[in-house]
Amino acid sequence: MITEIAKSIGNHLWQSTLFALCAAGLAFMLRGIPARIRNWIWFAASLKFLVPVSVLLSLGSSLASMHGTKGDLQPVPYYSLDVVSQPFTFTPVALSNSEKTTFLPSGHHVPLLPIVAALWAAGSLILLCCWIIHWRRIALDLRNARPATQGLELSILQRVQALENMQRTIAIVISDTSLEPGIFGVWRPTLVWPRGISKQLTEAQIEGIIAHEIAHVQRRDNLTASLQMLVQVIFWFHPIVWWLQRRLLEERERACDEAVMRLGCAAEVYAESILSVCKFSVGAPGTIVSGISGSDLAQRVHRIVSDSPVPSLTRPHKLLLLGLIALAVLSPILFGFVDVPRVRAALLQNSESKPAFSFEVATVKLSSGESGNRGILTSPGRFRAVNWPLKNVIMFAYDLRSDSQISGYPDWVNSTEYDMDAKTDENTTAALERLSPDQKIRQVKLMVQTLLAERFHIRVSYQAREIPVYALVIANGGPKLTKSTGPQLVGGRGPLSGVIGSKSGELESINSSLDQFAAVLDLMPEAGDRVVVNKTGLTGNYNWRLKWTPEATAQNFSGANDGTPPPAESDDSAPSLFTALQEQLGLKLQPQKGSVESLVVDSIDRPTAN
């Protein structure tokens, strides 16, 4: 659980950082438009830290479910997009014959997690306390302030509000502090006016300053500043959050300057009013109060007196912004909509399925290791496991295709090997004979599930997990397979059907389906820990031969009916498995992603007596 939380946080920070960098590029391209638009771009980048992409993806997935989207694999572009946008989800995995090694945080890293959490909480608490203390200090100063019921400042405030057609009434109070004028409060904004500052200003300059503060109210800058503060409290450790805060402060002051200039205030007068306020005041009111300073003073004055016209938003700019807003909001929802098809319960039978048949007799005992054979043998009416770890039997019974699909079991389940031999009565055997090959193996697996429940008292549950998979698809040029006419006699044995390994690096199909082939490819070292799913769309059974140079000795597998393991020898002149698939069979393995239902072993005991 801790690992999953860490991966989710890592993905969220990565996505938010990418979004902020994209916003920076957009703001640079649109540097000729009004500052208020760029300010909203920066604010959206900051707000993204509070909105995980997974929320929008879930919304798209819900819409897909409402429309009855059928489960399927996604093409490579979707998988690639997931890897780029969620780099901490798809972790490199290496699989050896007997041990899987992942590059995820290991157990000895766990003690660091409480330390990291404590440091984060301490930083957030310190930052929050600093802002609360600052807010309380200003609130106490305002208690001693006198409401302005008359005077030049009130009359100018009322006149500017009338010019702006403001519906909200802004109160003005005269404060004894020497901080610069500013707007305090989010829902009931109050203009805090320092006593004595009016003596340093002309009436036109007072009007320019008040117009600037009214622009802050109209733009609800105190609300956006509060949300930015929340982002900083939570993500104080991320440098880009503080960089965004500077960009927001710069653009909001520039936007207010542009609003004042649109009212017709003389540039020189307005610039002088800003300089006079800075000379009078001992400091800015801080981020919780919208004042008149806050960005580079020299640049602001230069922009104001440069006589450059206030930019306007052209029609192409409007269309571009609308398109980008729609893309930013709708693309995750759309991706969630098309991304919901997955590798679903096709990899596991329905947990509510019940076997129509059962074994009449069964023996379960610890393996002596005397037999050289290892594997699983299935035939109508019989199931045998020889020198086989219990975990592998569970994977066979529940149709698991990868080690990543099973968890929760004790160590002995993977390390202890058993010999199992289970048989059905004659009537059940005859009934199984009348079923199709797929139905036979399905019923056998359900019967083995019942055997495991009776002898090992196994209890399981299911959990969807997002893992990389391989899709077996048709390569360019089409398949190179021969349609089968039925089971065959091989070496005096048979009739046989299935995928047979004569030796390492060679496979032969005798009357087998491509679903069976995909199940065998799961066990090859070249597949790593990925599930292989047949997405060729080809039905029926085929005969073929495949020869390649294996990367390593494959795991023992049970594709053929006799369960005999292949000898460990190969032809080094043969191509790799991926190349051989395309050249010899006209097929290929394509990396994709899938939300695979995984099995959690809730409880299991050592076997009861026969």
Foldseek 3Di string as FASTA:
>chain_A
DVLVVVLQLVLQVLLLVVLQVVLVVVCVVVVQAALLVNLVSLLVSLCSSVPGLVVLLVLLLVVLVVVPPAFDFDAPVLQVVCCNSRVSAAWDWADDQADTDTPGDDPVCVVCVVVVVVVLLVQLVVLVVVVVVLLVVVVVQVVPWAWDPDDLLVVLLVVLCVVVVDPADETETETCAQAFWWWADQPHTYIYHYPPLVVLADSLQSSLQSLLRVLCNVSSQLVSLVVLSVSCSNPVVDVVSVVSVLSSQVSSLSNSLLSSVVVPRQLVRNLVSLVSSVVRHPYHSDSNIGGNDRHDSVVSNCVSPVPDHRHHQDPVNVVVVVVVVCCVSCVSSNSSNVVSRFPECVQFPPPPDAFPFAFPDKAKDFAPPPDPFAFWADDQFKIWGHQAQQVVLLCQLGNPQFPVQEDADDPSSSVTGMIMITGHDPVSSVVLVPDDPVVNSNNVSNNSVVVQCQFWVWDKDKDWGKHKAWEKAFAPPGWDWAAAPDFDQDPNDDSKAWWDDQAPQKIWGGFAWVQLVQSVVSQASVRGRHRYGYPHPDDGGTTFMFGADGPDGTHQYQTINVSGGHHHDHDHVGHHPQVRCCPGTRIHIRMTMGGYMGMYTPDTHHTDHD
